[in-house]
Amino acid sequence: MDYRKLAIVGEVGAGKTMMVSTLSEISPIKTEAKSSIDIGKEYTTVGIDYGRISLSEDTALGLYGVPGQERYSFLWEIVNNNLWGLLIMIKFGGTPDYENLEKLLSFFAPKDNETTCVIAITHCESADEQDLEALSLEVQLMLQSHQIVAPILNVDPRDRDSAITVLHILNAINNQT
């Protein structure tokens, strides 16, 4: 059995735990705890969420949901080797945490590590198209500053078809290289 790893990172509330839960064929391991500060939601991930999905009869993909806050960078180190893919999730609405995105791009260094990267914008079901385009443009400029070429998708991590689309795109890109 060939085993591959997908790191799922991003800002608080972007949907990382939900993405792992939606995609996983096994009962996912979740590491959520009640937040001691106001982060806009009651629970937050404090470790590595883990799930698994079969890509084919002989290939499994480990889904590693990792908190995006820099204080959890020790967890980033655990998953950031031999990645099949990197999914960076950005929550639409309010002001995106560009500083955090910059740190994630620098740390995971998809260009240097030759890791396929996809950006997923979440919570955008009722977003204005112009606002989404503006966010995508800003993210694209950040990617360019790191010499990273990556698709930017609108994704609903609660919806299996939407989540699976991300895997199809990662797989298609990986099969081109």
N, C-alpha and C. Protein backbone atom coordinates (compact mmCIF):
# COMPACT_ATOMS: atom_id res chain seq x y z
N MET A 1 0.86 -1.18 0.00
CA MET A 1 0.00 0.00 0.00
C MET A 1 0.89 1.23 0.00
N ASP A 2 0.64 2.13 -0.93
CA ASP A 2 1.33 3.41 -1.02
C ASP A 2 0.60 4.40 -0.12
N TYR A 3 1.34 5.09 0.74
CA TYR A 3 0.73 6.03 1.68
C TYR A 3 1.25 7.43 1.39
N ARG A 4 0.33 8.38 1.28
CA ARG A 4 0.67 9.77 1.01
C ARG A 4 0.07 10.67 2.08
N LYS A 5 0.58 11.90 2.16
CA LYS A 5 0.12 12.83 3.20
C LYS A 5 -0.35 14.15 2.59
N LEU A 6 -1.48 14.62 3.10
CA LEU A 6 -2.00 15.94 2.76
C LEU A 6 -2.07 16.75 4.05
N ALA A 7 -1.35 17.87 4.08
CA ALA A 7 -1.44 18.79 5.21
C ALA A 7 -2.53 19.81 4.91
N ILE A 8 -3.42 20.00 5.86
CA ILE A 8 -4.52 20.95 5.75
C ILE A 8 -4.31 22.00 6.83
N VAL A 9 -3.95 23.21 6.41
CA VAL A 9 -3.61 24.28 7.36
C VAL A 9 -4.43 25.52 7.03
N GLY A 10 -4.45 26.44 7.96
CA GLY A 10 -5.14 27.70 7.70
C GLY A 10 -5.54 28.37 8.99
N GLU A 11 -6.20 29.50 8.82
CA GLU A 11 -6.55 30.32 9.98
C GLU A 11 -7.69 29.70 10.79
N VAL A 12 -7.87 30.20 11.99
CA VAL A 12 -8.92 29.74 12.90
C VAL A 12 -10.28 29.87 12.21
N GLY A 13 -11.06 28.80 12.29
CA GLY A 13 -12.42 28.82 11.76
C GLY A 13 -12.55 28.65 10.26
N ALA A 14 -11.45 28.31 9.59
CA ALA A 14 -11.50 28.17 8.13
C ALA A 14 -12.16 26.87 7.69
N GLY A 15 -12.25 25.87 8.58
CA GLY A 15 -12.91 24.62 8.22
C GLY A 15 -11.99 23.42 8.10
N LYS A 16 -10.81 23.48 8.71
CA LYS A 16 -9.85 22.38 8.60
C LYS A 16 -10.39 21.07 9.19
N THR A 17 -10.91 21.15 10.41
CA THR A 17 -11.46 19.95 11.05
C THR A 17 -12.63 19.40 10.24
N MET A 18 -13.47 20.29 9.75
CA MET A 18 -14.61 19.86 8.94
C MET A 18 -14.13 19.20 7.65
N MET A 19 -13.09 19.73 7.04
CA MET A 19 -12.56 19.15 5.80
C MET A 19 -12.07 17.73 6.06
N VAL A 20 -11.33 17.53 7.14
CA VAL A 20 -10.86 16.18 7.49
C VAL A 20 -12.05 15.26 7.71
N SER A 21 -13.04 15.72 8.47
CA SER A 21 -14.22 14.90 8.76
C SER A 21 -15.01 14.55 7.50
N THR A 22 -15.15 15.51 6.61
CA THR A 22 -15.92 15.30 5.38
C THR A 22 -15.24 14.31 4.44
N LEU A 23 -13.93 14.37 4.35
CA LEU A 23 -13.20 13.52 3.41
C LEU A 23 -12.88 12.13 3.95
N SER A 24 -12.72 12.00 5.24
CA SER A 24 -12.21 10.77 5.81
C SER A 24 -13.17 9.59 5.66
N GLU A 25 -12.60 8.44 5.29
CA GLU A 25 -13.35 7.19 5.21
C GLU A 25 -13.37 6.46 6.56
N ILE A 26 -12.50 6.88 7.45
CA ILE A 26 -12.47 6.31 8.79
C ILE A 26 -13.03 7.34 9.76
N SER A 27 -13.31 6.92 10.97
CA SER A 27 -13.72 7.87 12.00
C SER A 27 -12.52 8.76 12.30
N PRO A 28 -12.60 10.05 11.99
CA PRO A 28 -11.42 10.90 12.16
C PRO A 28 -11.07 11.13 13.63
N ILE A 29 -9.80 11.33 13.86
CA ILE A 29 -9.32 11.72 15.18
C ILE A 29 -9.35 13.24 15.20
N LYS A 30 -10.08 13.79 16.16
CA LYS A 30 -10.21 15.23 16.28
C LYS A 30 -9.57 15.68 17.58
N THR A 31 -8.90 16.81 17.55
CA THR A 31 -8.20 17.31 18.73
C THR A 31 -8.73 18.68 19.13
N GLU A 32 -10.03 18.82 19.11
CA GLU A 32 -10.62 20.10 19.47
C GLU A 32 -10.79 20.21 20.99
N ALA A 33 -10.60 21.42 21.47
CA ALA A 33 -10.81 21.73 22.88
C ALA A 33 -11.57 23.04 22.97
N LYS A 34 -12.25 23.22 24.09
CA LYS A 34 -13.00 24.45 24.31
C LYS A 34 -12.00 25.61 24.37
N SER A 35 -12.27 26.63 23.59
CA SER A 35 -11.37 27.78 23.54
C SER A 35 -11.47 28.60 24.83
N SER A 36 -10.32 29.00 25.33
CA SER A 36 -10.28 29.81 26.55
C SER A 36 -10.36 31.30 26.25
N ILE A 37 -10.29 31.66 24.96
CA ILE A 37 -10.42 33.06 24.55
C ILE A 37 -11.46 33.15 23.45
N ASP A 38 -11.93 34.35 23.17
CA ASP A 38 -12.93 34.54 22.13
C ASP A 38 -12.27 34.50 20.76
N ILE A 39 -12.54 33.43 20.01
CA ILE A 39 -12.00 33.29 18.66
C ILE A 39 -13.12 33.20 17.63
N GLY A 40 -14.34 33.48 18.08
CA GLY A 40 -15.47 33.44 17.17
C GLY A 40 -16.14 32.08 17.08
N LYS A 41 -15.65 31.10 17.82
CA LYS A 41 -16.27 29.78 17.87
C LYS A 41 -15.91 29.15 19.21
N GLU A 42 -16.72 28.16 19.61
CA GLU A 42 -16.56 27.59 20.95
C GLU A 42 -15.35 26.67 21.07
N TYR A 43 -15.09 25.87 20.02
CA TYR A 43 -14.00 24.90 20.06
C TYR A 43 -12.95 25.22 19.02
N THR A 44 -11.71 24.83 19.30
CA THR A 44 -10.62 25.05 18.36
C THR A 44 -9.70 23.83 18.39
N THR A 45 -9.00 23.60 17.29
CA THR A 45 -8.07 22.49 17.19
C THR A 45 -6.79 22.81 17.95
N VAL A 46 -6.35 21.86 18.78
CA VAL A 46 -5.14 22.08 19.58
C VAL A 46 -4.07 21.01 19.30
N GLY A 47 -4.30 20.19 18.31
CA GLY A 47 -3.35 19.15 17.93
C GLY A 47 -3.51 18.86 16.46
N ILE A 48 -3.27 17.64 16.08
CA ILE A 48 -3.42 17.24 14.68
C ILE A 48 -4.71 16.44 14.54
N ASP A 49 -5.62 16.93 13.70
CA ASP A 49 -6.79 16.14 13.33
C ASP A 49 -6.31 15.17 12.25
N TYR A 50 -6.80 13.93 12.30
CA TYR A 50 -6.34 12.95 11.34
C TYR A 50 -7.50 12.15 10.77
N GLY A 51 -7.44 11.96 9.46
CA GLY A 51 -8.37 11.09 8.76
C GLY A 51 -7.63 10.40 7.63
N ARG A 52 -8.32 9.54 6.91
CA ARG A 52 -7.70 8.82 5.80
C ARG A 52 -8.74 8.56 4.73
N ILE A 53 -8.28 8.62 3.48
CA ILE A 53 -9.14 8.32 2.35
C ILE A 53 -8.33 7.54 1.32
N SER A 54 -8.99 6.62 0.63
CA SER A 54 -8.32 5.85 -0.43
C SER A 54 -8.36 6.66 -1.72
N LEU A 55 -7.19 6.77 -2.34
CA LEU A 55 -7.12 7.41 -3.65
C LEU A 55 -7.30 6.37 -4.76
N SER A 56 -6.90 5.15 -4.46
CA SER A 56 -7.08 4.03 -5.38
C SER A 56 -7.00 2.76 -4.54
N GLU A 57 -7.06 1.60 -5.20
CA GLU A 57 -7.01 0.34 -4.47
C GLU A 57 -5.73 0.18 -3.68
N ASP A 58 -4.65 0.76 -4.18
CA ASP A 58 -3.36 0.57 -3.52
C ASP A 58 -2.73 1.87 -3.01
N THR A 59 -3.51 2.96 -2.92
CA THR A 59 -2.98 4.23 -2.44
C THR A 59 -3.93 4.87 -1.43
N ALA A 60 -3.40 5.14 -0.24
CA ALA A 60 -4.17 5.82 0.81
C ALA A 60 -3.58 7.20 1.05
N LEU A 61 -4.44 8.13 1.40
CA LEU A 61 -4.02 9.51 1.67
C LEU A 61 -4.35 9.84 3.12
N GLY A 62 -3.33 10.17 3.90
CA GLY A 62 -3.52 10.63 5.26
C GLY A 62 -3.87 12.11 5.24
N LEU A 63 -4.91 12.47 5.96
CA LEU A 63 -5.39 13.85 6.03
C LEU A 63 -4.97 14.42 7.38
N TYR A 64 -4.08 15.40 7.37
CA TYR A 64 -3.54 15.97 8.59
C TYR A 64 -4.00 17.42 8.72
N GLY A 65 -5.00 17.63 9.56
CA GLY A 65 -5.49 18.97 9.83
C GLY A 65 -4.68 19.58 10.95
N VAL A 66 -4.01 20.69 10.66
CA VAL A 66 -3.09 21.30 11.61
C VAL A 66 -3.49 22.75 11.87
N PRO A 67 -3.48 23.17 13.15
CA PRO A 67 -3.80 24.56 13.44
C PRO A 67 -2.88 25.52 12.68
N GLY A 68 -3.44 26.64 12.29
CA GLY A 68 -2.66 27.60 11.51
C GLY A 68 -1.89 28.61 12.34
N GLN A 69 -2.18 28.70 13.63
CA GLN A 69 -1.50 29.69 14.45
C GLN A 69 -0.03 29.29 14.66
N GLU A 70 0.83 30.30 14.61
CA GLU A 70 2.27 30.04 14.69
C GLU A 70 2.68 29.34 15.98
N ARG A 71 1.92 29.54 17.06
CA ARG A 71 2.29 28.87 18.31
C ARG A 71 2.21 27.35 18.19
N TYR A 72 1.56 26.86 17.13
CA TYR A 72 1.48 25.42 16.89
C TYR A 72 2.46 24.98 15.80
N SER A 73 3.46 25.79 15.54
CA SER A 73 4.40 25.47 14.45
C SER A 73 5.15 24.16 14.71
N PHE A 74 5.25 23.73 15.97
CA PHE A 74 5.89 22.44 16.24
C PHE A 74 5.09 21.31 15.59
N LEU A 75 3.76 21.50 15.45
CA LEU A 75 2.94 20.51 14.75
C LEU A 75 3.18 20.58 13.24
N TRP A 76 3.44 21.79 12.75
CA TRP A 76 3.74 21.95 11.33
C TRP A 76 4.95 21.10 10.98
N GLU A 77 5.95 21.13 11.87
CA GLU A 77 7.19 20.39 11.63
C GLU A 77 6.92 18.89 11.53
N ILE A 78 5.97 18.40 12.31
CA ILE A 78 5.66 16.98 12.31
C ILE A 78 5.13 16.52 10.95
N VAL A 79 4.30 17.33 10.33
CA VAL A 79 3.67 16.89 9.07
C VAL A 79 4.41 17.38 7.82
N ASN A 80 5.31 18.35 7.95
CA ASN A 80 5.91 18.97 6.77
C ASN A 80 7.11 18.21 6.22
N ASN A 81 6.95 16.94 5.97
CA ASN A 81 7.98 16.21 5.23
C ASN A 81 7.28 15.18 4.36
N ASN A 82 7.79 15.07 3.16
CA ASN A 82 7.24 14.12 2.18
C ASN A 82 5.74 14.31 1.96
N LEU A 83 5.30 15.55 1.85
CA LEU A 83 3.88 15.82 1.61
C LEU A 83 3.52 15.55 0.17
N TRP A 84 2.38 14.94 -0.03
CA TRP A 84 1.79 14.77 -1.35
C TRP A 84 1.13 16.06 -1.78
N GLY A 85 0.60 16.79 -0.78
CA GLY A 85 -0.08 18.04 -1.07
C GLY A 85 -0.22 18.91 0.16
N LEU A 86 -0.45 20.19 -0.10
CA LEU A 86 -0.66 21.19 0.93
C LEU A 86 -1.93 21.95 0.58
N LEU A 87 -2.89 21.93 1.50
CA LEU A 87 -4.14 22.67 1.33
C LEU A 87 -4.15 23.78 2.36
N ILE A 88 -4.13 25.03 1.88
CA ILE A 88 -4.19 26.18 2.77
C ILE A 88 -5.59 26.76 2.68
N MET A 89 -6.25 26.81 3.84
CA MET A 89 -7.64 27.27 3.89
C MET A 89 -7.71 28.69 4.44
N ILE A 90 -8.48 29.53 3.75
CA ILE A 90 -8.66 30.92 4.14
C ILE A 90 -10.15 31.17 4.33
N LYS A 91 -10.51 31.71 5.48
CA LYS A 91 -11.91 32.00 5.78
C LYS A 91 -12.28 33.36 5.19
N PHE A 92 -13.32 33.35 4.34
CA PHE A 92 -13.81 34.60 3.75
C PHE A 92 -14.60 35.37 4.80
N GLY A 93 -14.50 36.67 4.73
CA GLY A 93 -15.24 37.54 5.65
C GLY A 93 -14.28 38.20 6.61
N GLY A 94 -14.53 39.44 6.91
CA GLY A 94 -13.60 40.16 7.77
C GLY A 94 -12.29 40.39 7.03
N THR A 95 -11.27 40.66 7.79
CA THR A 95 -9.95 40.88 7.20
C THR A 95 -9.15 39.59 7.27
N PRO A 96 -8.75 39.05 6.12
CA PRO A 96 -7.95 37.83 6.14
C PRO A 96 -6.64 38.06 6.89
N ASP A 97 -6.14 37.01 7.52
CA ASP A 97 -4.89 37.09 8.26
C ASP A 97 -3.73 36.86 7.30
N TYR A 98 -3.36 37.93 6.58
CA TYR A 98 -2.30 37.82 5.58
C TYR A 98 -0.95 37.54 6.21
N GLU A 99 -0.73 38.04 7.42
CA GLU A 99 0.52 37.77 8.11
C GLU A 99 0.66 36.27 8.38
N ASN A 100 -0.43 35.64 8.80
CA ASN A 100 -0.43 34.21 9.04
C ASN A 100 -0.22 33.44 7.73
N LEU A 101 -0.87 33.86 6.67
CA LEU A 101 -0.70 33.21 5.37
C LEU A 101 0.76 33.30 4.94
N GLU A 102 1.36 34.44 5.15
CA GLU A 102 2.78 34.64 4.81
C GLU A 102 3.65 33.64 5.58
N LYS A 103 3.36 33.46 6.88
CA LYS A 103 4.14 32.52 7.70
C LYS A 103 3.95 31.08 7.22
N LEU A 104 2.71 30.73 6.87
CA LEU A 104 2.45 29.37 6.37
C LEU A 104 3.19 29.12 5.06
N LEU A 105 3.14 30.08 4.15
CA LEU A 105 3.82 29.92 2.87
C LEU A 105 5.33 29.80 3.06
N SER A 106 5.87 30.60 3.98
CA SER A 106 7.32 30.55 4.24
C SER A 106 7.71 29.22 4.90
N PHE A 107 6.94 28.80 5.88
CA PHE A 107 7.29 27.58 6.60
C PHE A 107 7.14 26.33 5.72
N PHE A 108 5.99 26.16 5.11
CA PHE A 108 5.75 24.96 4.32
C PHE A 108 6.49 24.99 2.98
N ALA A 109 6.83 26.19 2.49
CA ALA A 109 7.66 26.38 1.30
C ALA A 109 7.36 25.38 0.18
N PRO A 110 6.13 25.42 -0.35
CA PRO A 110 5.77 24.42 -1.36
C PRO A 110 6.68 24.42 -2.59
N LYS A 111 7.20 25.58 -2.98
CA LYS A 111 8.09 25.61 -4.15
C LYS A 111 9.40 24.88 -3.84
N ASP A 112 10.02 25.22 -2.72
CA ASP A 112 11.29 24.59 -2.35
C ASP A 112 11.15 23.11 -2.08
N ASN A 113 10.03 22.71 -1.48
CA ASN A 113 9.80 21.30 -1.14
C ASN A 113 9.12 20.53 -2.26
N GLU A 114 8.84 21.20 -3.36
CA GLU A 114 8.17 20.59 -4.51
C GLU A 114 6.86 19.92 -4.10
N THR A 115 6.09 20.66 -3.30
CA THR A 115 4.80 20.18 -2.81
C THR A 115 3.68 20.88 -3.57
N THR A 116 2.77 20.10 -4.10
CA THR A 116 1.60 20.67 -4.76
C THR A 116 0.76 21.41 -3.72
N CYS A 117 0.35 22.61 -4.07
CA CYS A 117 -0.40 23.47 -3.14
C CYS A 117 -1.70 23.94 -3.78
N VAL A 118 -2.75 23.96 -2.97
CA VAL A 118 -4.04 24.51 -3.38
C VAL A 118 -4.50 25.43 -2.27
N ILE A 119 -5.10 26.54 -2.66
CA ILE A 119 -5.68 27.49 -1.71
C ILE A 119 -7.20 27.32 -1.77
N ALA A 120 -7.82 27.15 -0.61
CA ALA A 120 -9.28 27.01 -0.54
C ALA A 120 -9.86 28.18 0.25
N ILE A 121 -10.74 28.92 -0.39
CA ILE A 121 -11.45 30.00 0.30
C ILE A 121 -12.78 29.43 0.76
N THR A 122 -13.05 29.54 2.07
CA THR A 122 -14.24 28.95 2.66
C THR A 122 -15.18 30.06 3.16
N HIS A 123 -16.36 29.65 3.57
CA HIS A 123 -17.38 30.57 4.10
C HIS A 123 -17.73 31.65 3.07
N CYS A 124 -17.80 31.27 1.82
CA CYS A 124 -18.03 32.26 0.77
C CYS A 124 -19.33 32.01 0.00
N GLU A 125 -20.22 31.22 0.58
CA GLU A 125 -21.46 30.84 -0.11
C GLU A 125 -22.28 32.06 -0.52
N SER A 126 -22.34 33.08 0.33
CA SER A 126 -23.15 34.26 0.01
C SER A 126 -22.27 35.49 -0.24
N ALA A 127 -21.02 35.27 -0.57
CA ALA A 127 -20.08 36.37 -0.79
C ALA A 127 -20.34 37.07 -2.13
N ASP A 128 -20.06 38.32 -2.15
CA ASP A 128 -20.12 39.12 -3.36
C ASP A 128 -18.96 38.71 -4.28
N GLU A 129 -19.26 38.52 -5.56
CA GLU A 129 -18.25 38.06 -6.53
C GLU A 129 -17.05 39.00 -6.59
N GLN A 130 -17.27 40.29 -6.51
CA GLN A 130 -16.16 41.26 -6.56
C GLN A 130 -15.27 41.12 -5.33
N ASP A 131 -15.86 40.89 -4.17
CA ASP A 131 -15.08 40.71 -2.95
C ASP A 131 -14.23 39.44 -3.03
N LEU A 132 -14.81 38.38 -3.58
CA LEU A 132 -14.06 37.14 -3.76
C LEU A 132 -12.91 37.32 -4.74
N GLU A 133 -13.16 38.04 -5.81
CA GLU A 133 -12.10 38.31 -6.79
C GLU A 133 -10.99 39.13 -6.17
N ALA A 134 -11.34 40.12 -5.35
CA ALA A 134 -10.33 40.95 -4.69
C ALA A 134 -9.47 40.11 -3.74
N LEU A 135 -10.12 39.24 -2.97
CA LEU A 135 -9.37 38.36 -2.06
C LEU A 135 -8.46 37.43 -2.86
N SER A 136 -8.98 36.83 -3.90
CA SER A 136 -8.18 35.92 -4.73
C SER A 136 -6.98 36.64 -5.32
N LEU A 137 -7.15 37.87 -5.76
CA LEU A 137 -6.04 38.64 -6.32
C LEU A 137 -4.97 38.90 -5.27
N GLU A 138 -5.38 39.27 -4.07
CA GLU A 138 -4.40 39.51 -3.00
C GLU A 138 -3.65 38.23 -2.65
N VAL A 139 -4.36 37.12 -2.58
CA VAL A 139 -3.70 35.85 -2.29
C VAL A 139 -2.76 35.48 -3.44
N GLN A 140 -3.20 35.70 -4.68
CA GLN A 140 -2.36 35.39 -5.83
C GLN A 140 -1.06 36.19 -5.80
N LEU A 141 -1.13 37.45 -5.39
CA LEU A 141 0.08 38.27 -5.28
C LEU A 141 1.03 37.71 -4.23
N MET A 142 0.48 37.22 -3.11
CA MET A 142 1.32 36.61 -2.09
C MET A 142 1.98 35.33 -2.61
N LEU A 143 1.21 34.53 -3.33
CA LEU A 143 1.77 33.32 -3.91
C LEU A 143 2.91 33.66 -4.87
N GLN A 144 2.70 34.66 -5.71
CA GLN A 144 3.73 35.08 -6.67
C GLN A 144 5.00 35.54 -5.96
N SER A 145 4.84 36.20 -4.82
CA SER A 145 6.03 36.67 -4.09
C SER A 145 6.86 35.49 -3.57
N HIS A 146 6.25 34.32 -3.46
CA HIS A 146 6.94 33.10 -3.05
C HIS A 146 7.23 32.19 -4.25
N GLN A 147 6.95 32.69 -5.44
CA GLN A 147 7.12 31.93 -6.68
C GLN A 147 6.33 30.61 -6.65
N ILE A 148 5.11 30.70 -6.12
CA ILE A 148 4.24 29.53 -6.03
C ILE A 148 3.10 29.68 -7.03
N VAL A 149 2.88 28.64 -7.79
CA VAL A 149 1.73 28.59 -8.69
C VAL A 149 0.74 27.62 -8.06
N ALA A 150 -0.44 28.14 -7.70
CA ALA A 150 -1.43 27.29 -7.04
C ALA A 150 -2.83 27.77 -7.39
N PRO A 151 -3.73 26.84 -7.65
CA PRO A 151 -5.12 27.25 -7.89
C PRO A 151 -5.75 27.77 -6.60
N ILE A 152 -6.67 28.72 -6.77
CA ILE A 152 -7.43 29.28 -5.66
C ILE A 152 -8.89 28.91 -5.91
N LEU A 153 -9.47 28.12 -4.99
CA LEU A 153 -10.82 27.60 -5.17
C LEU A 153 -11.75 28.09 -4.08
N ASN A 154 -13.01 28.21 -4.40
CA ASN A 154 -14.04 28.43 -3.39
C ASN A 154 -14.52 27.04 -2.99
N VAL A 155 -14.43 26.74 -1.69
CA VAL A 155 -14.70 25.39 -1.22
C VAL A 155 -15.62 25.44 0.00
N ASP A 156 -16.56 24.51 0.04
CA ASP A 156 -17.40 24.33 1.22
C ASP A 156 -16.96 23.02 1.87
N PRO A 157 -16.19 23.08 2.98
CA PRO A 157 -15.67 21.86 3.58
C PRO A 157 -16.75 20.94 4.17
N ARG A 158 -17.98 21.41 4.27
CA ARG A 158 -19.08 20.58 4.77
C ARG A 158 -19.65 19.71 3.66
N ASP A 159 -19.39 20.07 2.43
CA ASP A 159 -19.96 19.40 1.26
C ASP A 159 -18.95 18.42 0.67
N ARG A 160 -19.30 17.15 0.66
CA ARG A 160 -18.36 16.12 0.19
C ARG A 160 -17.91 16.36 -1.25
N ASP A 161 -18.82 16.71 -2.14
CA ASP A 161 -18.45 16.95 -3.54
C ASP A 161 -17.45 18.09 -3.65
N SER A 162 -17.68 19.17 -2.90
CA SER A 162 -16.77 20.31 -2.91
C SER A 162 -15.40 19.90 -2.39
N ALA A 163 -15.38 19.15 -1.28
CA ALA A 163 -14.12 18.70 -0.69
C ALA A 163 -13.37 17.74 -1.62
N ILE A 164 -14.10 16.83 -2.24
CA ILE A 164 -13.48 15.87 -3.17
C ILE A 164 -12.88 16.59 -4.37
N THR A 165 -13.49 17.69 -4.80
CA THR A 165 -12.95 18.46 -5.92
C THR A 165 -11.52 18.90 -5.63
N VAL A 166 -11.25 19.28 -4.39
CA VAL A 166 -9.89 19.67 -4.01
C VAL A 166 -8.92 18.51 -4.25
N LEU A 167 -9.33 17.30 -3.84
CA LEU A 167 -8.46 16.14 -4.03
C LEU A 167 -8.25 15.84 -5.52
N HIS A 168 -9.30 15.98 -6.32
CA HIS A 168 -9.17 15.76 -7.76
C HIS A 168 -8.16 16.74 -8.37
N ILE A 169 -8.23 17.98 -7.94
CA ILE A 169 -7.30 19.00 -8.48
C ILE A 169 -5.88 18.71 -8.03
N LEU A 170 -5.69 18.40 -6.75
CA LEU A 170 -4.34 18.03 -6.27
C LEU A 170 -3.81 16.84 -7.04
N ASN A 171 -4.64 15.83 -7.23
CA ASN A 171 -4.22 14.63 -7.95
C ASN A 171 -3.87 14.94 -9.40
N ALA A 172 -4.68 15.76 -10.05
CA ALA A 172 -4.40 16.12 -11.44
C ALA A 172 -3.07 16.86 -11.57
N ILE A 173 -2.81 17.78 -10.65
CA ILE A 173 -1.54 18.53 -10.68
C ILE A 173 -0.38 17.58 -10.42
N ASN A 174 -0.51 16.72 -9.42
CA ASN A 174 0.57 15.77 -9.11
C ASN A 174 0.84 14.81 -10.26
N ASN A 175 -0.18 14.44 -11.01
CA ASN A 175 0.02 13.52 -12.12
C ASN A 175 0.64 14.19 -13.34
N GLN A 176 0.65 15.53 -13.37
CA GLN A 176 1.29 16.25 -14.47
C GLN A 176 2.79 16.35 -14.27
N THR A 177 3.22 16.26 -13.03
CA THR A 177 4.66 16.46 -12.76
C THR A 177 5.41 15.18 -12.74
